Amino acid sequence: MENIKYPELSVIITAYNMECYVEECLESVLCQIPIDGTVKIIFVDDGSTDETVLIAQRVLRHFPDNVATMIQQKNCGLSAARNVALDSVDSNYLTFLDCDDFWFPSYWKEIMPFIAEGKTDLIEYDAALVAEGGTPIGVLNICRHESAYGTLCDKKRLSFADRFKNFAWARVYRATLFEGIRFPVGRRYEDGATIPHIYIKCNLARSIARPLLAYRQRFGSITRETKPSDVLDILASAEEAFSLSLSGNAKGFWALIGIRHFVFACHMTLRMPPNVRRSCAEFLAKSGRSGCRTDQPLKARAKLTFPGFYLKYLELKLKAVANRGLPIGENQRV
């Protein structure tokens, strides 16, 4: 394999105040990628106020033969940090890695053959859930099953929409898929607003149904703190999807994406105190009315038309799940 001339991969790593994790993250990549320049790291510091940059610079100095670019900007959020990195990508493929996560030692060995062939547009893979200290606690199944190259037909796109696992770091992408696509600046849960567009553009995909990286479950991360603005951001993605479902060749796909966003917003609403929850319910009612279509399944129309009843149903259902001692995830089926 040493003589194969395979296309480049850009690894986009974004960081904000990650001094506790940046060394492990960078070393997990640098210790396994080749030093011939075919893989490069684009590290974007989003205005950190701790020692993140100094530690990153120190780690990169220990790997002088690897190609790495460091970009420093004022704090503008994850979307803006990823976008500035995307603007500097000049490789055939790219992937994302959050600075509190890390690659498993087998990552490059698993990914490299498919990048070398250059046939696939997208490679998706599972992730291991780890505690803040790195202890394994579970698996996040991104893929439904292992699959070789396959054309992303409508059925497979609907399967992605139904699973609704939009994590940007769980995939390697042909760089051209991001032409004309960027993450929405100023919004949280930006992956859900972006990755579905990639699946619409993608033709050939490969699924690796085993964990290739660790997704750290960190107390205080943006996915753990719920605010009313989060619900609004998610509903904005829902309304965009509902709008796209009105025309074109992917009506069913976008309708399902919109419904999944709406359900996710309902779950997030239940994380907030009752007095805040009431105001969010008003936003849900407005979004539900705008997204409801007569050609949608009855169950979906009921959720969109009567979000107040659906929230109550969710609350009772989740309590029942908790009483049985089962874990409750963001995308718990109810």
C-alpha atoms as a PDB file:
ATOM      1  CA  MET A   1       0.000   0.000   0.000  1.00  0.00           C
ATOM      2  CA  GLU A   2       3.005   2.278   0.484  1.00  0.00           C
ATOM      3  CA  ASN A   3       3.270   2.971  -3.248  1.00  0.00           C
ATOM      4  CA  ILE A   4      -0.365   3.901  -3.771  1.00  0.00           C
ATOM      5  CA  LYS A   5      -0.855   7.570  -4.594  1.00  0.00           C
ATOM      6  CA  TYR A   6      -4.149   8.262  -2.854  1.00  0.00           C
ATOM      7  CA  PRO A   7      -5.996  11.597  -2.707  1.00  0.00           C
ATOM      8  CA  GLU A   8      -5.480  14.032   0.129  1.00  0.00           C
ATOM      9  CA  LEU A   9      -7.572  14.206   3.278  1.00  0.00           C
ATOM     10  CA  SER A  10      -8.042  17.384   5.297  1.00  0.00           C
ATOM     11  CA  VAL A  11      -8.835  16.879   8.983  1.00  0.00           C
ATOM     12  CA  ILE A  12     -10.690  19.934  10.301  1.00  0.00           C
ATOM     13  CA  ILE A  13     -10.289  20.271  14.075  1.00  0.00           C
ATOM     14  CA  THR A  14     -12.057  23.114  15.858  1.00  0.00           C
ATOM     15  CA  ALA A  15     -11.403  24.189  19.433  1.00  0.00           C
ATOM     16  CA  TYR A  16     -12.632  26.635  22.029  1.00  0.00           C
ATOM     17  CA  ASN A  17     -11.128  26.425  25.538  1.00  0.00           C
ATOM     18  CA  MET A  18     -10.129  22.789  25.159  1.00  0.00           C
ATOM     19  CA  GLU A  19      -6.831  22.784  27.038  1.00  0.00           C
ATOM     20  CA  CYS A  20      -7.772  19.536  28.822  1.00  0.00           C
ATOM     21  CA  TYR A  21      -8.390  17.607  25.601  1.00  0.00           C
ATOM     22  CA  VAL A  22      -6.457  19.177  22.734  1.00  0.00           C
ATOM     23  CA  GLU A  23      -3.276  17.142  23.254  1.00  0.00           C
ATOM     24  CA  GLU A  24      -5.098  13.791  23.201  1.00  0.00           C
ATOM     25  CA  CYS A  25      -7.140  14.855  20.179  1.00  0.00           C
ATOM     26  CA  LEU A  26      -4.206  16.007  18.062  1.00  0.00           C
ATOM     27  CA  GLU A  27      -1.952  13.107  18.989  1.00  0.00           C
ATOM     28  CA  SER A  28      -4.689  10.600  18.114  1.00  0.00           C
ATOM     29  CA  VAL A  29      -4.490  11.928  14.548  1.00  0.00           C
ATOM     30  CA  LEU A  30      -0.799  12.750  14.229  1.00  0.00           C
ATOM     31  CA  CYS A  31       0.368   9.369  15.524  1.00  0.00           C
ATOM     32  CA  GLN A  32      -1.228   7.470  12.633  1.00  0.00           C
ATOM     33  CA  ILE A  33      -1.393   9.679   9.524  1.00  0.00           C
ATOM     34  CA  PRO A  34       1.413   9.516   6.925  1.00  0.00           C
ATOM     35  CA  ILE A  35       4.089  12.204   6.782  1.00  0.00           C
ATOM     36  CA  ASP A  36       4.134  12.530   2.990  1.00  0.00           C
ATOM     37  CA  GLY A  37       1.708  15.460   2.915  1.00  0.00           C
ATOM     38  CA  THR A  38      -1.298  13.519   1.690  1.00  0.00           C
ATOM     39  CA  VAL A  39      -3.099  14.199   4.970  1.00  0.00           C
ATOM     40  CA  LYS A  40      -3.133  17.604   6.573  1.00  0.00           C
ATOM     41  CA  ILE A  41      -4.649  19.057   9.696  1.00  0.00           C
ATOM     42  CA  ILE A  42      -6.527  22.347   9.659  1.00  0.00           C
ATOM     43  CA  PHE A  43      -6.742  23.450  13.281  1.00  0.00           C
ATOM     44  CA  VAL A  44      -9.058  26.380  14.010  1.00  0.00           C
ATOM     45  CA  ASP A  45      -8.970  28.025  17.427  1.00  0.00           C
ATOM     46  CA  ASP A  46     -12.208  29.919  17.972  1.00  0.00           C
ATOM     47  CA  GLY A  47     -10.874  32.580  20.349  1.00  0.00           C
ATOM     48  CA  SER A  48      -9.820  30.375  23.257  1.00  0.00           C
ATOM     49  CA  THR A  49      -8.950  32.195  26.480  1.00  0.00           C
ATOM     50  CA  ASP A  50      -7.100  29.281  28.094  1.00  0.00           C
ATOM     51  CA  GLU A  51      -3.944  27.376  27.079  1.00  0.00           C
ATOM     52  CA  THR A  52      -5.509  25.578  24.101  1.00  0.00           C
ATOM     53  CA  VAL A  53      -3.382  27.321  21.461  1.00  0.00           C
ATOM     54  CA  LEU A  54      -0.099  26.937  23.354  1.00  0.00           C
ATOM     55  CA  ILE A  55      -0.695  23.231  23.911  1.00  0.00           C
ATOM     56  CA  ALA A  56      -1.707  22.714  20.270  1.00  0.00           C
ATOM     57  CA  GLN A  57       1.416  24.505  19.057  1.00  0.00           C
ATOM     58  CA  ARG A  58       3.578  22.377  21.331  1.00  0.00           C
ATOM     59  CA  VAL A  59       2.020  19.138  20.067  1.00  0.00           C
ATOM     60  CA  LEU A  60       2.380  20.172  16.428  1.00  0.00           C
ATOM     61  CA  ARG A  61       6.077  20.959  17.001  1.00  0.00           C
ATOM     62  CA  HIS A  62       6.567  17.363  18.113  1.00  0.00           C
ATOM     63  CA  PHE A  63       5.360  16.211  14.676  1.00  0.00           C
ATOM     64  CA  PRO A  64       7.305  18.521  12.327  1.00  0.00           C
ATOM     65  CA  ASP A  65       6.980  16.212   9.324  1.00  0.00           C
ATOM     66  CA  ASN A  66       3.180  16.377   9.289  1.00  0.00           C
ATOM     67  CA  VAL A  67       1.354  19.084   7.383  1.00  0.00           C
ATOM     68  CA  ALA A  68      -0.737  21.309   9.648  1.00  0.00           C
ATOM     69  CA  THR A  69      -2.277  24.763   9.428  1.00  0.00           C
ATOM     70  CA  MET A  70      -3.375  26.704  12.480  1.00  0.00           C
ATOM     71  CA  ILE A  71      -6.025  29.414  12.139  1.00  0.00           C
ATOM     72  CA  GLN A  72      -6.832  31.723  15.039  1.00  0.00           C
ATOM     73  CA  GLN A  73      -9.962  33.870  15.075  1.00  0.00           C
ATOM     74  CA  LYS A  74     -12.104  35.724  17.555  1.00  0.00           C
ATOM     75  CA  ASN A  75     -14.864  33.678  19.105  1.00  0.00           C
ATOM     76  CA  CYS A  76     -17.604  33.282  16.476  1.00  0.00           C
ATOM     77  CA  GLY A  77     -18.954  29.809  17.228  1.00  0.00           C
ATOM     78  CA  LEU A  78     -18.489  26.301  15.853  1.00  0.00           C
ATOM     79  CA  SER A  79     -20.162  26.967  12.493  1.00  0.00           C
ATOM     80  CA  ALA A  80     -17.940  29.938  11.728  1.00  0.00           C
ATOM     81  CA  ALA A  81     -14.836  27.998  12.761  1.00  0.00           C
ATOM     82  CA  ARG A  82     -15.701  25.095  10.480  1.00  0.00           C
ATOM     83  CA  ASN A  83     -16.580  27.433   7.623  1.00  0.00           C
ATOM     84  CA  VAL A  84     -13.242  29.237   7.725  1.00  0.00           C
ATOM     85  CA  ALA A  85     -11.528  25.841   7.573  1.00  0.00           C
ATOM     86  CA  LEU A  86     -13.717  24.733   4.654  1.00  0.00           C
ATOM     87  CA  ASP A  87     -12.668  27.858   2.773  1.00  0.00           C
ATOM     88  CA  SER A  88      -9.037  26.726   2.965  1.00  0.00           C
ATOM     89  CA  VAL A  89      -9.550  23.074   2.006  1.00  0.00           C
ATOM     90  CA  ASP A  90      -7.685  22.079  -1.169  1.00  0.00           C
ATOM     91  CA  SER A  91      -7.814  18.291  -0.785  1.00  0.00           C
ATOM     92  CA  ASN A  92     -10.063  15.698  -2.393  1.00  0.00           C
ATOM     93  CA  TYR A  93     -11.606  14.561   0.885  1.00  0.00           C
ATOM     94  CA  LEU A  94     -12.261  16.121   4.267  1.00  0.00           C
ATOM     95  CA  THR A  95     -13.519  15.196   7.694  1.00  0.00           C
ATOM     96  CA  PHE A  96     -14.262  16.952  10.980  1.00  0.00           C
ATOM     97  CA  LEU A  97     -13.098  16.236  14.517  1.00  0.00           C
ATOM     98  CA  ASP A  98     -14.207  18.102  17.617  1.00  0.00           C
ATOM     99  CA  CYS A  99     -11.322  18.886  19.917  1.00  0.00           C
ATOM    100  CA  ASP A 100     -12.755  16.999  22.905  1.00  0.00           C
ATOM    101  CA  ASP A 101     -13.044  13.802  20.833  1.00  0.00           C
ATOM    102  CA  PHE A 102     -10.309  11.567  19.450  1.00  0.00           C
ATOM    103  CA  TRP A 103      -9.600   9.018  16.745  1.00  0.00           C
ATOM    104  CA  PHE A 104      -9.079   5.357  17.579  1.00  0.00           C
ATOM    105  CA  PRO A 105      -5.690   3.949  16.468  1.00  0.00           C
ATOM    106  CA  SER A 106      -7.376   2.036  13.636  1.00  0.00           C
ATOM    107  CA  TYR A 107      -9.053   5.096  12.068  1.00  0.00           C
ATOM    108  CA  TRP A 108      -6.621   5.826   9.252  1.00  0.00           C
ATOM    109  CA  LYS A 109      -6.051   2.143   8.484  1.00  0.00           C
ATOM    110  CA  GLU A 110      -9.819   1.680   8.062  1.00  0.00           C
ATOM    111  CA  ILE A 111     -10.441   4.830   6.030  1.00  0.00           C
ATOM    112  CA  MET A 112      -7.356   4.953   3.813  1.00  0.00           C
ATOM    113  CA  PRO A 113      -8.221   2.157   1.321  1.00  0.00           C
ATOM    114  CA  PHE A 114     -11.509   3.820   0.363  1.00  0.00           C
ATOM    115  CA  ILE A 115      -9.902   7.229   0.001  1.00  0.00           C
ATOM    116  CA  ALA A 116      -7.141   5.609  -2.047  1.00  0.00           C
ATOM    117  CA  GLU A 117      -9.649   4.187  -4.529  1.00  0.00           C
ATOM    118  CA  GLY A 118     -11.388   7.545  -4.811  1.00  0.00           C
ATOM    119  CA  LYS A 119     -14.735   6.001  -5.774  1.00  0.00           C
ATOM    120  CA  THR A 120     -16.890   6.934  -2.827  1.00  0.00           C
ATOM    121  CA  ASP A 121     -18.395  10.329  -2.090  1.00  0.00           C
ATOM    122  CA  LEU A 122     -18.985   9.643   1.592  1.00  0.00           C
ATOM    123  CA  ILE A 123     -17.807   7.209   4.264  1.00  0.00           C
ATOM    124  CA  GLU A 124     -19.900   6.966   7.418  1.00  0.00           C
ATOM    125  CA  TYR A 125     -18.937   5.132  10.602  1.00  0.00           C
ATOM    126  CA  ASP A 126     -19.999   4.516  14.184  1.00  0.00           C
ATOM    127  CA  ALA A 127     -18.552   6.185  17.288  1.00  0.00           C
ATOM    128  CA  ALA A 128     -17.858   5.002  20.808  1.00  0.00           C
ATOM    129  CA  LEU A 129     -19.403   6.997  23.630  1.00  0.00           C
ATOM    130  CA  VAL A 130     -16.840   7.738  26.333  1.00  0.00           C
ATOM    131  CA  ALA A 131     -17.136   9.458  29.700  1.00  0.00           C
ATOM    132  CA  GLU A 132     -15.347  12.721  30.389  1.00  0.00           C
ATOM    133  CA  GLY A 133     -12.263  10.837  31.494  1.00  0.00           C
ATOM    134  CA  GLY A 134     -12.263   8.595  28.418  1.00  0.00           C
ATOM    135  CA  THR A 135     -13.923   5.481  29.864  1.00  0.00           C
ATOM    136  CA  PRO A 136     -16.118   3.680  27.266  1.00  0.00           C
ATOM    137  CA  ILE A 137     -19.817   3.827  28.149  1.00  0.00           C
ATOM    138  CA  GLY A 138     -21.578   2.816  24.944  1.00  0.00           C
ATOM    139  CA  VAL A 139     -21.765   2.977  21.151  1.00  0.00           C
ATOM    140  CA  LEU A 140     -23.404   5.561  18.905  1.00  0.00           C
ATOM    141  CA  ASN A 141     -24.682   3.660  15.874  1.00  0.00           C
ATOM    142  CA  ILE A 142     -24.476   5.948  12.857  1.00  0.00           C
ATOM    143  CA  CYS A 143     -24.714   3.112  10.338  1.00  0.00           C
ATOM    144  CA  ARG A 144     -27.615   0.714  10.102  1.00  0.00           C
ATOM    145  CA  HIS A 145     -25.290  -2.033   8.880  1.00  0.00           C
ATOM    146  CA  GLU A 146     -21.960  -2.568   7.138  1.00  0.00           C
ATOM    147  CA  SER A 147     -22.168  -1.923   3.414  1.00  0.00           C
ATOM    148  CA  ALA A 148     -19.855  -1.734   0.439  1.00  0.00           C
ATOM    149  CA  TYR A 149     -20.166   0.998  -2.144  1.00  0.00           C
ATOM    150  CA  GLY A 150     -23.774   1.703  -2.903  1.00  0.00           C
ATOM    151  CA  THR A 151     -25.740   4.296  -4.782  1.00  0.00           C
ATOM    152  CA  LEU A 152     -27.693   6.546  -2.443  1.00  0.00           C
ATOM    153  CA  CYS A 153     -31.155   5.937  -3.813  1.00  0.00           C
ATOM    154  CA  ASP A 154     -34.281   7.521  -2.332  1.00  0.00           C
ATOM    155  CA  LYS A 155     -34.769   4.543  -0.005  1.00  0.00           C
ATOM    156  CA  LYS A 156     -31.287   4.883   1.490  1.00  0.00           C
ATOM    157  CA  ARG A 157     -31.643   8.642   1.893  1.00  0.00           C
ATOM    158  CA  LEU A 158     -34.924   8.098   3.725  1.00  0.00           C
ATOM    159  CA  SER A 159     -33.138   5.601   5.963  1.00  0.00           C
ATOM    160  CA  PHE A 160     -30.594   8.308   6.852  1.00  0.00           C
ATOM    161  CA  ALA A 161     -33.390  10.810   7.494  1.00  0.00           C
ATOM    162  CA  ASP A 162     -35.207   8.336   9.720  1.00  0.00           C
ATOM    163  CA  ARG A 163     -32.075   7.583  11.791  1.00  0.00           C
ATOM    164  CA  PHE A 164     -31.395  11.335  12.039  1.00  0.00           C
ATOM    165  CA  LYS A 165     -27.765  10.991  13.171  1.00  0.00           C
ATOM    166  CA  ASN A 166     -26.346  14.159  11.639  1.00  0.00           C
ATOM    167  CA  PHE A 167     -22.982  14.374  13.422  1.00  0.00           C
ATOM    168  CA  ALA A 168     -20.541  15.997  11.005  1.00  0.00           C
ATOM    169  CA  TRP A 169     -17.530  14.199  12.525  1.00  0.00           C
ATOM    170  CA  ALA A 170     -19.029  10.749  11.837  1.00  0.00           C
ATOM    171  CA  ARG A 171     -18.184  10.866   8.140  1.00  0.00           C
ATOM    172  CA  VAL A 172     -15.488  11.482   5.555  1.00  0.00           C
ATOM    173  CA  TYR A 173     -16.700  13.569   2.609  1.00  0.00           C
ATOM    174  CA  ARG A 174     -15.603  14.240  -0.915  1.00  0.00           C
ATOM    175  CA  ALA A 175     -14.687  17.902  -0.626  1.00  0.00           C
ATOM    176  CA  THR A 176     -16.784  18.952  -3.608  1.00  0.00           C
ATOM    177  CA  LEU A 177     -19.930  17.996  -1.680  1.00  0.00           C
ATOM    178  CA  PHE A 178     -19.451  21.173   0.357  1.00  0.00           C
ATOM    179  CA  GLU A 179     -19.410  23.441  -2.678  1.00  0.00           C
ATOM    180  CA  GLY A 180     -22.172  25.964  -2.000  1.00  0.00           C
ATOM    181  CA  ILE A 181     -22.851  24.481   1.447  1.00  0.00           C
ATOM    182  CA  ARG A 182     -21.727  25.957   4.754  1.00  0.00           C
ATOM    183  CA  PHE A 183     -22.770  25.591   8.387  1.00  0.00           C
ATOM    184  CA  PRO A 184     -25.278  28.226   9.586  1.00  0.00           C
ATOM    185  CA  VAL A 185     -23.424  30.809  11.645  1.00  0.00           C
ATOM    186  CA  GLY A 186     -24.970  31.765  14.971  1.00  0.00           C
ATOM    187  CA  ARG A 187     -27.044  28.595  15.343  1.00  0.00           C
ATOM    188  CA  ARG A 188     -26.477  25.583  17.553  1.00  0.00           C
ATOM    189  CA  TYR A 189     -27.203  22.029  16.381  1.00  0.00           C
ATOM    190  CA  GLU A 190     -25.791  23.175  13.078  1.00  0.00           C
ATOM    191  CA  ASP A 191     -25.064  19.655  11.849  1.00  0.00           C
ATOM    192  CA  GLY A 192     -28.766  18.953  11.454  1.00  0.00           C
ATOM    193  CA  ALA A 193     -29.120  21.983   9.195  1.00  0.00           C
ATOM    194  CA  THR A 194     -26.151  20.984   7.023  1.00  0.00           C
ATOM    195  CA  ILE A 195     -25.529  17.247   6.701  1.00  0.00           C
ATOM    196  CA  PRO A 196     -28.914  16.394   5.071  1.00  0.00           C
ATOM    197  CA  HIS A 197     -27.903  18.650   2.157  1.00  0.00           C
ATOM    198  CA  ILE A 198     -24.737  16.574   1.785  1.00  0.00           C
ATOM    199  CA  TYR A 199     -26.736  13.341   1.532  1.00  0.00           C
ATOM    200  CA  ILE A 200     -28.865  14.859  -1.219  1.00  0.00           C
ATOM    201  CA  LYS A 201     -25.711  15.642  -3.246  1.00  0.00           C
ATOM    202  CA  CYS A 202     -23.985  12.341  -2.481  1.00  0.00           C
ATOM    203  CA  ASN A 203     -24.115   9.471  -4.990  1.00  0.00           C
ATOM    204  CA  LEU A 204     -21.858   6.681  -3.714  1.00  0.00           C
ATOM    205  CA  ALA A 205     -21.466   5.945   0.012  1.00  0.00           C
ATOM    206  CA  ARG A 206     -19.702   3.406   2.204  1.00  0.00           C
ATOM    207  CA  SER A 207     -20.750   2.384   5.722  1.00  0.00           C
ATOM    208  CA  ILE A 208     -18.368   1.054   8.364  1.00  0.00           C
ATOM    209  CA  ALA A 209     -20.541  -0.288  11.167  1.00  0.00           C
ATOM    210  CA  ARG A 210     -17.958  -0.132  13.962  1.00  0.00           C
ATOM    211  CA  PRO A 211     -16.592   2.737  16.067  1.00  0.00           C
ATOM    212  CA  LEU A 212     -13.639   4.610  14.580  1.00  0.00           C
ATOM    213  CA  LEU A 213     -13.549   7.489  17.042  1.00  0.00           C
ATOM    214  CA  ALA A 214     -14.533   8.423  20.581  1.00  0.00           C
ATOM    215  CA  TYR A 215     -17.366  10.885  21.215  1.00  0.00           C
ATOM    216  CA  ARG A 216     -16.837  12.351  24.672  1.00  0.00           C
ATOM    217  CA  GLN A 217     -19.922  12.901  26.823  1.00  0.00           C
ATOM    218  CA  ARG A 218     -18.781  16.065  28.549  1.00  0.00           C
ATOM    219  CA  PHE A 219     -20.760  17.845  31.229  1.00  0.00           C
ATOM    220  CA  GLY A 220     -21.251  21.465  30.171  1.00  0.00           C
ATOM    221  CA  SER A 221     -20.869  20.919  26.407  1.00  0.00           C
ATOM    222  CA  ILE A 222     -23.275  22.724  24.093  1.00  0.00           C
ATOM    223  CA  THR A 223     -25.316  19.560  23.619  1.00  0.00           C
ATOM    224  CA  ARG A 224     -25.909  19.329  27.387  1.00  0.00           C
ATOM    225  CA  GLU A 225     -27.120  22.855  28.116  1.00  0.00           C
ATOM    226  CA  THR A 226     -30.622  23.529  26.820  1.00  0.00           C
ATOM    227  CA  LYS A 227     -31.951  27.024  26.180  1.00  0.00           C
ATOM    228  CA  PRO A 228     -35.111  28.327  24.478  1.00  0.00           C
ATOM    229  CA  SER A 229     -32.877  29.554  21.661  1.00  0.00           C
ATOM    230  CA  ASP A 230     -31.883  25.927  21.021  1.00  0.00           C
ATOM    231  CA  VAL A 231     -35.493  25.052  20.302  1.00  0.00           C
ATOM    232  CA  LEU A 232     -35.749  28.022  17.951  1.00  0.00           C
ATOM    233  CA  ASP A 233     -32.557  26.970  16.149  1.00  0.00           C
ATOM    234  CA  ILE A 234     -33.834  23.426  15.689  1.00  0.00           C
ATOM    235  CA  LEU A 235     -37.226  24.674  14.528  1.00  0.00           C
ATOM    236  CA  ALA A 236     -35.479  26.939  12.010  1.00  0.00           C
ATOM    237  CA  SER A 237     -33.926  23.816  10.507  1.00  0.00           C
ATOM    238  CA  ALA A 238     -37.333  22.116  10.572  1.00  0.00           C
ATOM    239  CA  GLU A 239     -38.979  24.978   8.715  1.00  0.00           C
ATOM    240  CA  GLU A 240     -36.191  25.048   6.128  1.00  0.00           C
ATOM    241  CA  ALA A 241     -36.716  21.333   5.531  1.00  0.00           C
ATOM    242  CA  PHE A 242     -40.502  21.723   5.320  1.00  0.00           C
ATOM    243  CA  SER A 243     -40.000  24.480   2.765  1.00  0.00           C
ATOM    244  CA  LEU A 244     -37.792  22.211   0.638  1.00  0.00           C
ATOM    245  CA  SER A 245     -40.429  19.467   0.846  1.00  0.00           C
ATOM    246  CA  LEU A 246     -42.847  21.558  -1.222  1.00  0.00           C
ATOM    247  CA  SER A 247     -41.077  20.961  -4.524  1.00  0.00           C
ATOM    248  CA  GLY A 248     -38.296  19.060  -6.239  1.00  0.00           C
ATOM    249  CA  ASN A 249     -37.420  15.388  -6.413  1.00  0.00           C
ATOM    250  CA  ALA A 250     -36.759  14.884  -2.701  1.00  0.00           C
ATOM    251  CA  LYS A 251     -40.074  15.919  -1.148  1.00  0.00           C
ATOM    252  CA  GLY A 252     -40.364  12.826   1.030  1.00  0.00           C
ATOM    253  CA  PHE A 253     -36.781  13.152   2.257  1.00  0.00           C
ATOM    254  CA  TRP A 254     -37.163  16.782   3.334  1.00  0.00           C
ATOM    255  CA  ALA A 255     -40.582  16.186   4.860  1.00  0.00           C
ATOM    256  CA  LEU A 256     -39.110  13.442   7.039  1.00  0.00           C
ATOM    257  CA  ILE A 257     -36.111  15.603   7.957  1.00  0.00           C
ATOM    258  CA  GLY A 258     -38.485  18.382   8.996  1.00  0.00           C
ATOM    259  CA  ILE A 259     -40.542  16.022  11.159  1.00  0.00           C
ATOM    260  CA  ARG A 260     -37.431  14.619  12.831  1.00  0.00           C
ATOM    261  CA  HIS A 261     -36.250  18.173  13.615  1.00  0.00           C
ATOM    262  CA  PHE A 262     -39.668  18.948  15.061  1.00  0.00           C
ATOM    263  CA  VAL A 263     -39.620  15.846  17.277  1.00  0.00           C
ATOM    264  CA  PHE A 264     -36.092  16.706  18.409  1.00  0.00           C
ATOM    265  CA  ALA A 265     -37.271  20.229  19.327  1.00  0.00           C
ATOM    266  CA  CYS A 266     -40.025  18.647  21.425  1.00  0.00           C
ATOM    267  CA  HIS A 267     -37.483  16.529  23.266  1.00  0.00           C
ATOM    268  CA  MET A 268     -35.342  19.595  23.918  1.00  0.00           C
ATOM    269  CA  THR A 269     -38.361  21.499  25.211  1.00  0.00           C
ATOM    270  CA  LEU A 270     -38.907  18.842  27.855  1.00  0.00           C
ATOM    271  CA  ARG A 271     -35.396  19.451  29.196  1.00  0.00           C
ATOM    272  CA  MET A 272     -36.359  22.942  30.348  1.00  0.00           C
ATOM    273  CA  PRO A 273     -38.289  24.125  33.440  1.00  0.00           C
ATOM    274  CA  PRO A 274     -42.118  24.154  33.089  1.00  0.00           C
ATOM    275  CA  ASN A 275     -42.361  27.963  32.985  1.00  0.00           C
ATOM    276  CA  VAL A 276     -39.885  28.129  30.084  1.00  0.00           C
ATOM    277  CA  ARG A 277     -41.443  25.105  28.444  1.00  0.00           C
ATOM    278  CA  ARG A 278     -44.736  26.953  27.903  1.00  0.00           C
ATOM    279  CA  SER A 279     -43.147  29.648  25.760  1.00  0.00           C
ATOM    280  CA  CYS A 280     -41.356  27.012  23.681  1.00  0.00           C
ATOM    281  CA  ALA A 281     -44.660  25.201  23.164  1.00  0.00           C
ATOM    282  CA  GLU A 282     -45.935  28.310  21.367  1.00  0.00           C
ATOM    283  CA  PHE A 283     -42.974  28.160  18.969  1.00  0.00           C
ATOM    284  CA  LEU A 284     -43.658  24.465  18.394  1.00  0.00           C
ATOM    285  CA  ALA A 285     -47.316  25.149  17.585  1.00  0.00           C
ATOM    286  CA  LYS A 286     -46.399  27.771  14.992  1.00  0.00           C
ATOM    287  CA  SER A 287     -43.744  25.591  13.373  1.00  0.00           C
ATOM    288  CA  GLY A 288     -46.015  22.546  13.407  1.00  0.00           C
ATOM    289  CA  ARG A 289     -48.788  24.374  11.589  1.00  0.00           C
ATOM    290  CA  SER A 290     -46.384  25.574   8.903  1.00  0.00           C
ATOM    291  CA  GLY A 291     -44.982  22.073   8.354  1.00  0.00           C
ATOM    292  CA  CYS A 292     -48.177  20.024   8.388  1.00  0.00           C
ATOM    293  CA  ARG A 293     -49.187  18.555   5.003  1.00  0.00           C
ATOM    294  CA  THR A 294     -52.170  16.398   4.090  1.00  0.00           C
ATOM    295  CA  ASP A 295     -49.908  13.859   2.352  1.00  0.00           C
ATOM    296  CA  GLN A 296     -47.922  13.157   5.523  1.00  0.00           C
ATOM    297  CA  PRO A 297     -48.571  10.063   7.665  1.00  0.00           C
ATOM    298  CA  LEU A 298     -51.348  10.502  10.212  1.00  0.00           C
ATOM    299  CA  LYS A 299     -48.961  10.079  13.154  1.00  0.00           C
ATOM    300  CA  ALA A 300     -46.715  12.856  11.858  1.00  0.00           C
ATOM    301  CA  ARG A 301     -49.660  15.178  11.233  1.00  0.00           C
ATOM    302  CA  ALA A 302     -50.895  14.602  14.785  1.00  0.00           C
ATOM    303  CA  LYS A 303     -47.512  15.598  16.236  1.00  0.00           C
ATOM    304  CA  LEU A 304     -47.325  18.730  14.101  1.00  0.00           C
ATOM    305  CA  THR A 305     -50.952  19.778  14.651  1.00  0.00           C
ATOM    306  CA  PHE A 306     -51.163  19.135  18.396  1.00  0.00           C
ATOM    307  CA  PRO A 307     -47.667  19.709  19.858  1.00  0.00           C
ATOM    308  CA  GLY A 308     -49.073  20.379  23.331  1.00  0.00           C
ATOM    309  CA  PHE A 309     -50.627  16.923  23.494  1.00  0.00           C
ATOM    310  CA  TYR A 310     -47.513  15.419  21.965  1.00  0.00           C
ATOM    311  CA  LEU A 311     -45.314  17.060  24.629  1.00  0.00           C
ATOM    312  CA  LYS A 312     -47.514  15.612  27.357  1.00  0.00           C
ATOM    313  CA  TYR A 313     -47.366  12.204  25.711  1.00  0.00           C
ATOM    314  CA  LEU A 314     -43.567  12.467  25.474  1.00  0.00           C
ATOM    315  CA  GLU A 315     -43.291  13.460  29.118  1.00  0.00           C
ATOM    316  CA  LEU A 316     -45.334  10.463  30.284  1.00  0.00           C
ATOM    317  CA  LYS A 317     -43.529   8.100  27.924  1.00  0.00           C
ATOM    318  CA  LEU A 318     -40.073   9.254  28.964  1.00  0.00           C
ATOM    319  CA  LYS A 319     -40.991   8.887  32.631  1.00  0.00           C
ATOM    320  CA  ALA A 320     -42.065   5.317  31.933  1.00  0.00           C
ATOM    321  CA  VAL A 321     -38.781   4.638  30.130  1.00  0.00           C
ATOM    322  CA  ALA A 322     -36.809   6.138  33.036  1.00  0.00           C
ATOM    323  CA  ASN A 323     -38.752   4.045  35.544  1.00  0.00           C
ATOM    324  CA  ARG A 324     -37.686   0.916  33.661  1.00  0.00           C
ATOM    325  CA  GLY A 325     -34.066   1.996  34.093  1.00  0.00           C
ATOM    326  CA  LEU A 326     -33.403   2.510  30.388  1.00  0.00           C
ATOM    327  CA  PRO A 327     -31.174   5.323  29.101  1.00  0.00           C
ATOM    328  CA  ILE A 328     -32.948   8.256  27.461  1.00  0.00           C
ATOM    329  CA  GLY A 329     -31.145   9.695  24.440  1.00  0.00           C
ATOM    330  CA  GLU A 330     -31.769  12.818  22.390  1.00  0.00           C
ATOM    331  CA  ASN A 331     -33.338  10.745  19.631  1.00  0.00           C
ATOM    332  CA  GLN A 332     -35.259   8.313  21.856  1.00  0.00           C
ATOM    333  CA  ARG A 333     -38.063   6.751  19.824  1.00  0.00           C
ATOM    334  CA  VAL A 334     -41.422   7.535  21.415  1.00  0.00           C
END
